[in-house]
PDB file of N, CA and C in Angstrom:
ATOM      1  N   MET A   1      -3.767-122.026  76.435  1.00  0.00           N
ATOM      2  CA  MET A   1      -4.660-123.005  75.683  1.00  0.00           C
ATOM      3  C   MET A   1      -3.810-124.312  75.102  1.00  0.00           C
ATOM      4  N   PRO A   2      -3.866-125.158  75.004  1.00  0.00           N
ATOM      5  CA  PRO A   2      -3.297-126.467  74.520  1.00  0.00           C
ATOM      6  C   PRO A   2      -3.014-126.669  72.874  1.00  0.00           C
ATOM      7  N   ALA A   3      -2.287-126.424  71.998  1.00  0.00           N
ATOM      8  CA  ALA A   3      -2.318-126.387  70.472  1.00  0.00           C
ATOM      9  C   ALA A   3      -3.508-126.914  69.918  1.00  0.00           C
ATOM     10  N   ASN A   4      -3.835-128.778  70.413  1.00  0.00           N
ATOM     11  CA  ASN A   4      -4.432-128.693  69.729  1.00  0.00           C
ATOM     12  C   ASN A   4      -6.298-128.359  69.759  1.00  0.00           C
ATOM     13  N   ASP A   5      -6.573-127.443  70.773  1.00  0.00           N
ATOM     14  CA  ASP A   5      -7.294-126.448  71.235  1.00  0.00           C
ATOM     15  C   ASP A   5      -7.175-125.163  70.094  1.00  0.00           C
ATOM     16  N   SER A   6      -6.525-125.465  69.431  1.00  0.00           N
ATOM     17  CA  SER A   6      -6.289-123.927  68.473  1.00  0.00           C
ATOM     18  C   SER A   6      -7.875-123.589  68.184  1.00  0.00           C
ATOM     19  N   PRO A   7      -8.092-121.807  67.905  1.00  0.00           N
ATOM     20  CA  PRO A   7      -9.271-121.597  66.825  1.00  0.00           C
ATOM     21  C   PRO A   7      -9.763-121.243  65.786  1.00  0.00           C
ATOM     22  N   VAL A   8      -7.990-121.999  65.351  1.00  0.00           N
ATOM     23  CA  VAL A   8      -8.128-121.585  63.727  1.00  0.00           C
ATOM     24  C   VAL A   8      -9.295-122.392  63.405  1.00  0.00           C
ATOM     25  N   GLY A   9      -9.968-121.866  62.233  1.00  0.00           N
ATOM     26  CA  GLY A   9     -11.074-122.925  61.626  1.00  0.00           C
ATOM     27  C   GLY A   9     -12.708-123.256  62.385  1.00  0.00           C
ATOM     28  N   CYS A  10     -12.317-122.654  63.477  1.00  0.00           N
ATOM     29  CA  CYS A  10     -13.979-122.622  64.521  1.00  0.00           C
ATOM     30  C   CYS A  10     -14.510-121.779  63.665  1.00  0.00           C
ATOM     31  N   TYR A  11     -15.834-121.358  63.460  1.00  0.00           N
ATOM     32  CA  TYR A  11     -16.577-120.263  63.537  1.00  0.00           C
ATOM     33  C   TYR A  11     -17.355-119.552  64.677  1.00  0.00           C
ATOM     34  N   GLY A  12     -17.847-118.489  64.575  1.00  0.00           N
ATOM     35  CA  GLY A  12     -18.437-117.752  65.573  1.00  0.00           C
ATOM     36  C   GLY A  12     -19.313-116.731  65.223  1.00  0.00           C
ATOM     37  N   ARG A  13     -19.202-115.650  66.073  1.00  0.00           N
ATOM     38  CA  ARG A  13     -20.441-114.211  65.395  1.00  0.00           C
ATOM     39  C   ARG A  13     -19.472-113.050  66.440  1.00  0.00           C
ATOM     40  N   VAL A  14     -19.620-111.896  65.622  1.00  0.00           N
ATOM     41  CA  VAL A  14     -19.116-110.545  66.452  1.00  0.00           C
ATOM     42  C   VAL A  14     -20.603-110.121  67.480  1.00  0.00           C
ATOM     43  N   THR A  15     -19.655-109.911  68.739  1.00  0.00           N
ATOM     44  CA  THR A  15     -20.961-109.531  69.257  1.00  0.00           C
ATOM     45  C   THR A  15     -21.163-107.765  68.917  1.00  0.00           C
ATOM     46  N   ALA A  16     -22.331-107.876  69.955  1.00  0.00           N
ATOM     47  CA  ALA A  16     -23.172-106.995  70.066  1.00  0.00           C
ATOM     48  C   ALA A  16     -22.426-105.546  69.808  1.00  0.00           C
ATOM     49  N   SER A  17     -21.949-105.582  71.216  1.00  0.00           N
ATOM     50  CA  SER A  17     -21.181-104.376  71.124  1.00  0.00           C
ATOM     51  C   SER A  17     -19.338-104.402  70.987  1.00  0.00           C
ATOM     52  N   GLY A  18     -19.440-105.697  69.631  1.00  0.00           N
ATOM     53  CA  GLY A  18     -17.766-105.293  69.212  1.00  0.00           C
ATOM     54  C   GLY A  18     -17.540-105.810  67.749  1.00  0.00           C
ATOM     55  N   ALA A  19     -18.207-104.425  67.104  1.00  0.00           N
ATOM     56  CA  ALA A  19     -18.000-104.420  65.744  1.00  0.00           C
ATOM     57  C   ALA A  19     -16.522-104.507  65.351  1.00  0.00           C
ATOM     58  N   ILE A  20     -15.767-104.615  64.477  1.00  0.00           N
ATOM     59  CA  ILE A  20     -14.799-104.752  64.191  1.00  0.00           C
ATOM     60  C   ILE A  20     -14.484-103.792  63.330  1.00  0.00           C
ATOM     61  N   ARG A  21     -13.725-103.020  63.293  1.00  0.00           N
ATOM     62  CA  ARG A  21     -13.660-101.620  62.529  1.00  0.00           C
ATOM     63  C   ARG A  21     -11.846-101.259  61.872  1.00  0.00           C
ATOM     64  N   PRO A  22     -11.876-100.770  60.699  1.00  0.00           N
ATOM     65  CA  PRO A  22     -10.400-100.468  60.397  1.00  0.00           C
ATOM     66  C   PRO A  22      -9.039-100.394  61.626  1.00  0.00           C
ATOM     67  N   GLY A  23      -8.093-101.095  61.800  1.00  0.00           N
ATOM     68  CA  GLY A  23      -7.111-101.025  63.072  1.00  0.00           C
ATOM     69  C   GLY A  23      -7.653-100.680  64.285  1.00  0.00           C
ATOM     70  N   ARG A  24      -8.562-101.382  64.255  1.00  0.00           N
ATOM     71  CA  ARG A  24      -9.109-101.350  65.854  1.00  0.00           C
ATOM     72  C   ARG A  24      -9.252-103.329  66.038  1.00  0.00           C
ATOM     73  N   VAL A  25      -9.352-102.982  67.026  1.00  0.00           N
ATOM     74  CA  VAL A  25     -10.143-104.960  67.491  1.00  0.00           C
ATOM     75  C   VAL A  25     -11.331-104.630  67.952  1.00  0.00           C
ATOM     76  N   GLY A  26     -12.138-106.151  67.408  1.00  0.00           N
ATOM     77  CA  GLY A  26     -13.511-106.190  67.974  1.00  0.00           C
ATOM     78  C   GLY A  26     -13.379-107.390  69.083  1.00  0.00           C
ATOM     79  N   GLU A  27     -14.781-107.199  69.142  1.00  0.00           N
ATOM     80  CA  GLU A  27     -15.116-108.995  69.909  1.00  0.00           C
ATOM     81  C   GLU A  27     -15.756-109.694  69.401  1.00  0.00           C
ATOM     82  N   VAL A  28     -15.152-111.257  69.472  1.00  0.00           N
ATOM     83  CA  VAL A  28     -16.080-112.574  68.918  1.00  0.00           C
ATOM     84  C   VAL A  28     -16.118-113.094  69.788  1.00  0.00           C
ATOM     85  N   MET A  29     -17.480-114.016  69.384  1.00  0.00           N
ATOM     86  CA  MET A  29     -17.432-115.260  70.617  1.00  0.00           C
ATOM     87  C   MET A  29     -17.705-116.663  69.594  1.00  0.00           C
ATOM     88  N   VAL A  30     -16.951-117.175  69.869  1.00  0.00           N
ATOM     89  CA  VAL A  30     -16.123-118.444  69.351  1.00  0.00           C
ATOM     90  C   VAL A  30     -16.558-119.674  69.912  1.00  0.00           C
ATOM     91  N   SER A  31     -17.524-120.637  68.827  1.00  0.00           N
ATOM     92  CA  SER A  31     -17.467-122.103  69.460  1.00  0.00           C
ATOM     93  C   SER A  31     -16.345-122.649  69.498  1.00  0.00           C
ATOM     94  N   ILE A  32     -15.955-123.201  70.731  1.00  0.00           N
ATOM     95  CA  ILE A  32     -14.389-124.149  70.635  1.00  0.00           C
ATOM     96  C   ILE A  32     -14.652-124.751  72.157  1.00  0.00           C
ATOM     97  N   ARG A  33     -14.135-125.932  72.054  1.00  0.00           N
ATOM     98  CA  ARG A  33     -13.913-126.717  73.212  1.00  0.00           C
ATOM     99  C   ARG A  33     -15.067-127.207  73.711  1.00  0.00           C
ATOM    100  N   GLY A  34     -16.724-127.419  73.178  1.00  0.00           N
ATOM    101  CA  GLY A  34     -17.855-127.733  73.536  1.00  0.00           C
ATOM    102  C   GLY A  34     -18.134-127.028  74.327  1.00  0.00           C
ATOM    103  N   GLY A  35     -18.087-125.341  74.239  1.00  0.00           N
ATOM    104  CA  GLY A  35     -18.320-123.935  74.597  1.00  0.00           C
ATOM    105  C   GLY A  35     -18.531-123.322  73.848  1.00  0.00           C
ATOM    106  N   VAL A  36     -18.564-121.596  74.508  1.00  0.00           N
ATOM    107  CA  VAL A  36     -18.716-121.046  73.625  1.00  0.00           C
ATOM    108  C   VAL A  36     -17.292-119.589  74.085  1.00  0.00           C
ATOM    109  N   GLU A  37     -16.390-119.110  73.340  1.00  0.00           N
ATOM    110  CA  GLU A  37     -15.313-118.034  74.272  1.00  0.00           C
ATOM    111  C   GLU A  37     -15.303-116.464  73.662  1.00  0.00           C
ATOM    112  N   ALA A  38     -14.714-115.822  74.450  1.00  0.00           N
ATOM    113  CA  ALA A  38     -14.841-114.420  73.856  1.00  0.00           C
ATOM    114  C   ALA A  38     -13.095-114.581  73.482  1.00  0.00           C
ATOM    115  N   PHE A  39     -13.138-113.913  71.806  1.00  0.00           N
ATOM    116  CA  PHE A  39     -11.940-113.393  71.473  1.00  0.00           C
ATOM    117  C   PHE A  39     -11.928-111.907  71.278  1.00  0.00           C
ATOM    118  N   LEU A  40     -10.754-111.178  71.828  1.00  0.00           N
ATOM    119  CA  LEU A  40     -10.635-109.972  70.610  1.00  0.00           C
ATOM    120  C   LEU A  40     -10.326-110.326  69.093  1.00  0.00           C
ATOM    121  N   ALA A  41     -10.571-109.561  68.395  1.00  0.00           N
ATOM    122  CA  ALA A  41     -10.657-109.888  66.685  1.00  0.00           C
ATOM    123  C   ALA A  41     -10.368-108.869  66.003  1.00  0.00           C
ATOM    124  N   ARG A  42      -9.302-109.267  64.869  1.00  0.00           N
ATOM    125  CA  ARG A  42      -9.247-108.119  63.797  1.00  0.00           C
ATOM    126  C   ARG A  42      -9.290-108.917  62.321  1.00  0.00           C
ATOM    127  N   ASP A  43      -9.961-108.244  61.686  1.00  0.00           N
ATOM    128  CA  ASP A  43     -10.450-108.488  60.431  1.00  0.00           C
ATOM    129  C   ASP A  43      -9.687-108.937  59.262  1.00  0.00           C
ATOM    130  N   ALA A  44      -9.271-110.033  58.473  1.00  0.00           N
ATOM    131  CA  ALA A  44      -8.112-110.386  58.200  1.00  0.00           C
ATOM    132  C   ALA A  44      -7.521-109.736  56.794  1.00  0.00           C
ATOM    133  N   ASP A  45      -8.961-108.664  56.117  1.00  0.00           N
ATOM    134  CA  ASP A  45      -8.502-108.256  55.071  1.00  0.00           C
ATOM    135  C   ASP A  45      -8.300-106.423  55.867  1.00  0.00           C
ATOM    136  N   GLY A  46      -7.899-106.335  57.205  1.00  0.00           N
ATOM    137  CA  GLY A  46      -8.373-104.982  57.420  1.00  0.00           C
ATOM    138  C   GLY A  46      -9.735-103.835  57.715  1.00  0.00           C
ATOM    139  N   GLY A  47     -10.405-104.970  57.135  1.00  0.00           N
ATOM    140  CA  GLY A  47     -11.710-103.916  57.163  1.00  0.00           C
ATOM    141  C   GLY A  47     -12.721-103.829  58.122  1.00  0.00           C
ATOM    142  N   SER A  48     -14.185-103.510  58.043  1.00  0.00           N
ATOM    143  CA  SER A  48     -14.753-104.063  58.738  1.00  0.00           C
ATOM    144  C   SER A  48     -16.047-105.085  58.787  1.00  0.00           C
ATOM    145  N   ILE A  49     -16.252-105.420  60.053  1.00  0.00           N
ATOM    146  CA  ILE A  49     -17.450-106.358  60.228  1.00  0.00           C
ATOM    147  C   ILE A  49     -18.169-106.424  61.115  1.00  0.00           C
ATOM    148  N   ASP A  50     -19.363-106.179  61.093  1.00  0.00           N
ATOM    149  CA  ASP A  50     -20.690-105.594  61.460  1.00  0.00           C
ATOM    150  C   ASP A  50     -20.891-106.641  63.257  1.00  0.00           C
ATOM    151  N   ALA A  51     -21.420-105.990  63.839  1.00  0.00           N
ATOM    152  CA  ALA A  51     -22.346-106.810  65.124  1.00  0.00           C
ATOM    153  C   ALA A  51     -22.738-107.512  64.434  1.00  0.00           C
ATOM    154  N   TYR A  52     -23.143-108.875  65.149  1.00  0.00           N
ATOM    155  CA  TYR A  52     -23.867-109.865  64.879  1.00  0.00           C
ATOM    156  C   TYR A  52     -23.605-110.976  63.620  1.00  0.00           C
ATOM    157  N   GLU A  53     -22.318-110.268  62.547  1.00  0.00           N
ATOM    158  CA  GLU A  53     -22.353-111.053  61.486  1.00  0.00           C
ATOM    159  C   GLU A  53     -21.308-112.462  61.670  1.00  0.00           C
ATOM    160  N   GLU A  54     -21.779-113.361  61.071  1.00  0.00           N
ATOM    161  CA  GLU A  54     -20.646-114.948  61.599  1.00  0.00           C
ATOM    162  C   GLU A  54     -19.607-114.704  60.681  1.00  0.00           C
ATOM    163  N   ILE A  55     -18.723-115.494  61.147  1.00  0.00           N
ATOM    164  CA  ILE A  55     -17.133-115.329  60.583  1.00  0.00           C
ATOM    165  C   ILE A  55     -16.727-116.716  61.083  1.00  0.00           C
ATOM    166  N   ALA A  56     -15.871-116.512  60.379  1.00  0.00           N
ATOM    167  CA  ALA A  56     -14.397-117.973  60.762  1.00  0.00           C
ATOM    168  C   ALA A  56     -13.283-117.538  60.925  1.00  0.00           C
ATOM    169  N   VAL A  57     -12.684-118.220  61.836  1.00  0.00           N
ATOM    170  CA  VAL A  57     -11.395-117.738  62.647  1.00  0.00           C
ATOM    171  C   VAL A  57     -10.333-118.269  61.517  1.00  0.00           C
ATOM    172  N   VAL A  58      -9.205-117.702  61.026  1.00  0.00           N
ATOM    173  CA  VAL A  58      -8.173-118.159  59.949  1.00  0.00           C
ATOM    174  C   VAL A  58      -6.781-117.757  60.528  1.00  0.00           C
ATOM    175  N   ASP A  59      -6.637-117.453  61.819  1.00  0.00           N
ATOM    176  CA  ASP A  59      -4.992-117.120  62.669  1.00  0.00           C
ATOM    177  C   ASP A  59      -5.380-116.992  63.747  1.00  0.00           C
ATOM    178  N   TYR A  60      -4.434-117.174  64.891  1.00  0.00           N
ATOM    179  CA  TYR A  60      -4.681-117.479  66.475  1.00  0.00           C
ATOM    180  C   TYR A  60      -3.426-116.708  66.950  1.00  0.00           C
ATOM    181  N   ARG A  61      -3.522-115.097  67.496  1.00  0.00           N
ATOM    182  CA  ARG A  61      -2.749-114.636  68.185  1.00  0.00           C
ATOM    183  C   ARG A  61      -2.700-114.732  69.638  1.00  0.00           C
ATOM    184  N   PRO A  62      -1.826-115.615  70.168  1.00  0.00           N
ATOM    185  CA  PRO A  62      -2.103-115.778  71.773  1.00  0.00           C
ATOM    186  C   PRO A  62      -1.562-114.572  72.578  1.00  0.00           C
ATOM    187  N   PRO A  63      -2.572-114.161  73.365  1.00  0.00           N
ATOM    188  CA  PRO A  63      -3.290-115.054  74.372  1.00  0.00           C
ATOM    189  C   PRO A  63      -4.866-115.420  73.574  1.00  0.00           C
ATOM    190  N   ARG A  64      -5.291-114.000  73.608  1.00  0.00           N
ATOM    191  CA  ARG A  64      -6.958-114.431  73.268  1.00  0.00           C
ATOM    192  C   ARG A  64      -6.664-113.303  72.214  1.00  0.00           C
ATOM    193  N   GLU A  65      -6.707-113.623  71.054  1.00  0.00           N
ATOM    194  CA  GLU A  65      -6.678-112.456  69.945  1.00  0.00           C
ATOM    195  C   GLU A  65      -6.648-113.503  68.519  1.00  0.00           C
ATOM    196  N   VAL A  66      -7.469-112.975  67.917  1.00  0.00           N
ATOM    197  CA  VAL A  66      -8.025-113.707  66.566  1.00  0.00           C
ATOM    198  C   VAL A  66      -8.088-113.073  65.848  1.00  0.00           C
ATOM    199  N   VAL A  67      -7.396-114.030  64.016  1.00  0.00           N
ATOM    200  CA  VAL A  67      -7.707-112.952  62.893  1.00  0.00           C
ATOM    201  C   VAL A  67      -8.862-113.672  62.300  1.00  0.00           C
ATOM    202  N   VAL A  68     -10.438-112.805  61.990  1.00  0.00           N
ATOM    203  CA  VAL A  68     -11.102-113.726  61.281  1.00  0.00           C
ATOM    204  C   VAL A  68     -11.649-113.120  59.746  1.00  0.00           C
ATOM    205  N   THR A  69     -12.490-113.854  58.993  1.00  0.00           N
ATOM    206  CA  THR A  69     -13.003-113.204  57.970  1.00  0.00           C
ATOM    207  C   THR A  69     -14.404-113.288  57.874  1.00  0.00           C
ATOM    208  N   ARG A  70     -15.256-112.718  57.076  1.00  0.00           N
ATOM    209  CA  ARG A  70     -17.022-113.069  57.233  1.00  0.00           C
ATOM    210  C   ARG A  70     -16.878-113.962  56.672  1.00  0.00           C
ATOM    211  N   LEU A  71     -18.137-114.599  57.210  1.00  0.00           N
ATOM    212  CA  LEU A  71     -18.381-116.111  56.683  1.00  0.00           C
ATOM    213  C   LEU A  71     -19.137-115.934  55.673  1.00  0.00           C
ATOM    214  N   TYR A  72     -19.922-114.760  55.431  1.00  0.00           N
ATOM    215  CA  TYR A  72     -21.016-115.013  53.942  1.00  0.00           C
ATOM    216  C   TYR A  72     -20.387-113.349  53.478  1.00  0.00           C
ATOM    217  N   GLU A  73     -20.611-113.238  52.326  1.00  0.00           N
ATOM    218  CA  GLU A  73     -20.676-111.945  51.532  1.00  0.00           C
ATOM    219  C   GLU A  73     -21.871-111.220  52.093  1.00  0.00           C
ATOM    220  N   LYS A  74     -21.256-110.122  52.457  1.00  0.00           N
ATOM    221  CA  LYS A  74     -22.443-108.643  52.882  1.00  0.00           C
ATOM    222  C   LYS A  74     -23.053-108.644  51.690  1.00  0.00           C
ATOM    223  N   GLU A  75     -24.706-108.690  51.601  1.00  0.00           N
ATOM    224  CA  GLU A  75     -25.448-108.546  50.732  1.00  0.00           C
ATOM    225  C   GLU A  75     -25.522-106.711  50.525  1.00  0.00           C
ATOM    226  N   ASP A  76     -25.317-106.601  48.740  1.00  0.00           N
ATOM    227  CA  ASP A  76     -25.588-105.454  48.512  1.00  0.00           C
ATOM    228  C   ASP A  76     -26.904-104.506  48.739  1.00  0.00           C
ATOM    229  N   SER A  77     -27.169-103.825  49.362  1.00  0.00           N
ATOM    230  CA  SER A  77     -28.891-102.935  48.985  1.00  0.00           C
ATOM    231  C   SER A  77     -29.202-102.410  48.342  1.00  0.00           C
ATOM    232  N   SER A  78     -28.473-102.684  47.441  1.00  0.00           N
ATOM    233  CA  SER A  78     -29.067-101.499  46.159  1.00  0.00           C
ATOM    234  C   SER A  78     -30.276-102.183  45.471  1.00  0.00           C
TER     235      SER A  78
END
């Protein structure tokens, strides 16, 4: 992937089966280069991000891993 095509700053969503858990990678689909691509993903804070949650990419680890953060805070169900 050329340097100018870095996924950092791009947005996406955790896949249906790719929930991110502490110490484990998940899977996200990221909008990049006019399309959508799959990346392995870790949470920037080492926490969990559930399936279908929207994310933003904050770091890239070649060849196909990204570090992400939740785009919106999780709503309290209380």
